[in-house]
Every structure is written in C-alpha cells, then in structure tokens.
C-alpha cells in the first residue's frame, strides 16, 4: 500500500477553515513530483493536484471539493486522505510526469456532440452548427474551468439584436436562449466526468436565460388558405412538399429525408426522422393515395420528394419558394412551411383526435400542444363535452323515475 503523507494543516476541516481565504493553494508533497494543494474559498475549499513536468514547471488541476461543510462522498466531495489517493492515482495515470492539460470548451463540445450523436444525429448536427457559430468562436480555446459568469453574461447579451423593432429583439433573445441551453448541456456533460477535474458549475449555472421571449409561430393557415397556397405554387415538386406538410404535420427537414422505403402503404404509415428522433406517422386515406402516387415506380432507396431536376431537397431550399407561393396566393408573407404543421394540429384538435395521438404523430408532447394551441382547445372545449361526455341519451333518471328532459 502506498505510504500516506501527513499534512497537519489540511487533514481536518477545523485546521483548513482556520486558513485565510486565498487564491493560491497551500501544497503538501505526497509523492515524487506530486503535490496535493488546498485552496481556501469563501464557500469551502478545493483540492488541487500539482504534478512536476520535469522541466522546471508543473501542471495543476482541481480534483474535488473539500469536506469543509458537506459530508464526503468519495466522488466530488473528498476528505484529505481521499484527495491524496486521487491525486496519486491521477498522477500515475498521466505517466508520473504531468497532469493533463485543462479541458477546453472545444474539447468539451466534441465529447458532448459525440455522445449526443449516438442518441440523435439530427439534434447533434443542429447543436454543432449553433455552438460553432455562437459559442466556440468566442470561447473555443478557453479552459472550461476558466469560464466566468461575467464573461458568459456578456456573451449572452451580445447575441441580442440592437434594433428598434421589439419583435426582432424578442426573436434574438429566444434564439440566444436556445444556444445557452446547448452550452449548459455540454458543460454539464463535461462536469459529470470526474476525469475532467471540474467541480464547480457556478459560472454557467447562474447565467439566466431571457424570460418571456418564447413565442409560438403566429401564422396559421385555414383549410382554405392551405389549399389556396398549394394551388398557387408554380413549382409542382414544391407543391408536393406542401401537400405532404399539410397531410402529415411533419416538418420540412423530416420530409426531405424520407425515402420510398420509409413509406408503408399497407400499414398506412410514414416513418420520419428529425430533431425529436424517429417516429411513425399514421396516415389518413387521402394521404395514403397521395403517397401511393409519389412512390409509384421508384426504388426503395430513392427520395420520396425530389426537386424538378430530380435531386433531393436540401436545407432551406423551401424559403424562396415559400415566399413566392405566399405572394402568389396573397397570404400573410410571414407564413412559413411550419405553418402547415400548425394547420394539421389545429384541424386534428377540431376533429377531436385525442391529444396523445396527435402528439405521437407529430413528434411533440401533449403539454406543448396544450400550451401552443390553447386558443383552439378553448374554442372546442364545449364541443368536446357535448360530443363525448357521458349521457343517458334522451331519458335522464331522477331519483329512480324516468324524466324525459332532453340532455
């Protein structure tokens, strides 16, 4: 068993709490070229490992929180003796020469995105693009443990649009919130790996998102408007995409990835894969007839939706075509492809399809439907009760006697 080294000033919490608060740790040598340090903070202390690099310098890293106020758990809260064993173990893992370099935000992001991709490729792709553009461009080479709340607050504020248009400012704050959520997810992922030596999440945990800036997309199409939009579309291939959006409630990105093999005519189902993962959409008869026409004489690995030139649709290629179709149909220019999804869900609610079935078909949650379509639900509340609440029919029994009151 390795020899345990005494460190009288650091062995007990009483001794440690008698030390002054200081930025520099107090070290005790616990092995050849290996030292364990204790840094006294206002809210407790931190254990620090220092390993000589053999060239006159040394590398340091935090390895845990001292049990100054909380009971040690052997994981992130350590006694002096537990911290000493961890220090020696980490030093041996690094070949006895130097502790590994501090984890950078770029490295943390790669580790997180690799883990996320194993669960959902599309979410990982979206997160990678947003993180590279908005976060890693500013903090990519910085050590995670060097991040500060002040710096992150300034970064978040920097994503807010400087405009006299309140809605533009709101949208920029909403977008900033989404990026902040991704940043917190990747940093928390790094924190959960003990080998990264991260013990404090205050820098990002205390950064608050903007409140009251999330807003459902406001443009909804009525049945007649959706039909008018599709009929006004001069690009037949794009009209097929619009029709599919109306008949399925699927997102643009989900539809353009569909191959013929993803459609099962017999089961009346279409399998899509998007930001919420893969799911199967059950189709009504009209949708089945529509998809039967599209996939006729196509191989299983061919795309269901093709542009006029026969190629697969790519991201964002719908925007100009959508704008042109809206103008031609004389509809709200703020409309988007996503508005067809709103139409599908709104009409499904009005058709009294149970919310859990709508949610499963559309890759969302009942809670989200209740929040986003509260007005539609409120209007249909009485109709739902009239159509579905228990009833004896035309005869109501009152105290054992038949009452012919209509109900």
Foldseek 3Di string as FASTA:
>chain_A
DQDADDDPCQQDLVSVVVDDQDPDWDWDDGDDQWIWTWHQHPVAIWIKIWGAQVPPGIDMFTQATEPNPHDDDLARYDGPRSSSVVNVVQCVVVVVHYHDHAAFLQNLLVVLLVVVCVVAVQLSVVLVVLCVPQPCVVGVGPGPQPAAQVVVLVSLVVQADDDPDVLSRLVSLVVSLVNLVSSLSSSVVLCVDSSNRDNDDCRSVVRDGDPPSDDDQDDAAAPVLLVLLLVLQPFVLVSLLSVCCLQQLEDSVFQLPFFQLQQDLVQQWGWTQHSLGIAIAHGDPVVSVSQCVQCPPHDRGQRSGAGPVRHGDDPPPCLVSSQSSCVSSVHDSSDDSSSSSVNNLLVCVVVVDDLCSNCRSNSHDSVVCCVRVVVSCVVCVVVCCVPPPDDPAQWDADPNDTDRHGD
